């Protein structure tokens, strides 16, 4: 990877006075960005539900359904 100097070159940038100043009414040159600057950002994409939470929820639903099924059978008999 090559390093790119983010500072503008005064001899090739229009609108700069000698010494690097900007005359009144002139827009200063834009700052270039460095793609390698800053810390690496963590991957924050969602990956969906994990297997353990889905298994626990499914087991709880089956347990509650079985309870009400047995309760209904006891009331009928």
Protein backbone atom coordinates (compact mmCIF):
# COMPACT_ATOMS: atom_id res chain seq x y z
CA UNK A 1 0.00 0.00 0.00
CA UNK A 2 1.42 3.36 -0.93
CA UNK A 3 1.17 6.40 1.30
CA UNK A 4 -0.61 9.42 -0.16
CA UNK A 5 0.21 12.87 1.21
CA UNK A 6 -3.13 14.46 2.21
CA UNK A 7 -1.79 18.03 2.11
CA UNK A 8 -2.27 20.02 -1.10
CA UNK A 9 0.89 21.00 -2.98
CA UNK A 10 1.09 24.82 -2.74
CA UNK A 11 2.92 25.22 -6.05
CA UNK A 12 0.16 23.33 -7.93
CA UNK A 13 -2.93 24.56 -6.03
CA UNK A 14 -4.72 27.61 -7.38
CA UNK A 15 -6.01 30.29 -5.01
CA UNK A 16 -3.19 30.07 -2.48
CA UNK A 17 -1.03 33.03 -1.60
CA UNK A 18 2.69 32.62 -1.01
CA UNK A 19 3.13 30.88 2.33
CA UNK A 20 -0.06 28.84 1.94
CA UNK A 21 -2.65 31.46 2.93
CA UNK A 22 -6.01 31.90 1.21
CA UNK A 23 -7.05 35.35 -0.08
CA UNK A 24 -10.38 36.82 1.14
CA UNK A 25 -13.38 35.43 -0.74
CA UNK A 26 -11.48 32.36 -1.95
CA UNK A 27 -12.47 28.84 -0.93
CA UNK A 28 -9.59 26.88 0.59
CA UNK A 29 -8.64 23.60 -1.10
CA UNK A 30 -10.49 20.52 0.07
CA UNK A 31 -8.81 18.10 2.40
CA UNK A 32 -8.22 14.73 0.81
CA UNK A 33 -9.26 11.62 2.64
CA UNK A 34 -7.03 8.76 3.63
CA UNK A 35 -8.59 5.34 3.13
CA UNK A 36 -6.29 3.72 5.68
CA UNK A 37 -6.86 6.35 8.40
CA UNK A 38 -8.61 5.51 11.64
CA UNK A 39 -9.34 2.28 13.47
CA UNK A 40 -10.96 -0.65 11.71
CA UNK A 41 -14.72 -0.77 12.28
CA UNK A 42 -16.24 -4.00 13.61
CA UNK A 43 -18.68 -5.97 11.49
CA UNK A 44 -22.16 -5.02 12.78
CA UNK A 45 -24.36 -6.86 10.30
CA UNK A 46 -27.22 -8.86 11.78
CA UNK A 47 -26.91 -12.60 11.34
CA UNK A 48 -30.39 -13.64 12.45
CA UNK A 49 -31.43 -15.71 15.43
CA UNK A 50 -29.01 -18.12 17.03
CA UNK A 51 -29.87 -21.82 17.36
CA UNK A 52 -29.98 -21.79 21.17
CA UNK A 53 -32.63 -19.03 21.57
CA UNK A 54 -34.84 -20.59 18.88
CA UNK A 55 -34.57 -24.01 20.54
CA UNK A 56 -35.46 -22.59 23.96
CA UNK A 57 -38.46 -20.68 22.59
CA UNK A 58 -39.70 -23.73 20.69
CA UNK A 59 -39.32 -25.94 23.80
CA UNK A 60 -41.25 -23.42 25.89
CA UNK A 61 -44.08 -23.25 23.32
CA UNK A 62 -44.31 -27.06 23.19
CA UNK A 63 -44.30 -27.27 27.01
CA UNK A 64 -47.12 -24.70 27.32
CA UNK A 65 -49.14 -26.38 24.56
CA UNK A 66 -48.72 -29.78 26.26
CA UNK A 67 -49.85 -28.30 29.59
CA UNK A 68 -53.06 -26.91 28.08
CA UNK A 69 -53.70 -30.15 26.17
CA UNK A 70 -53.40 -32.22 29.36
CA UNK A 71 -55.55 -29.70 31.25
CA UNK A 72 -58.25 -29.92 28.56
CA UNK A 73 -58.17 -33.73 28.66
CA UNK A 74 -58.55 -33.71 32.46
CA UNK A 75 -61.59 -31.40 32.20
CA UNK A 76 -63.23 -33.60 29.55
CA UNK A 77 -62.69 -36.89 31.39
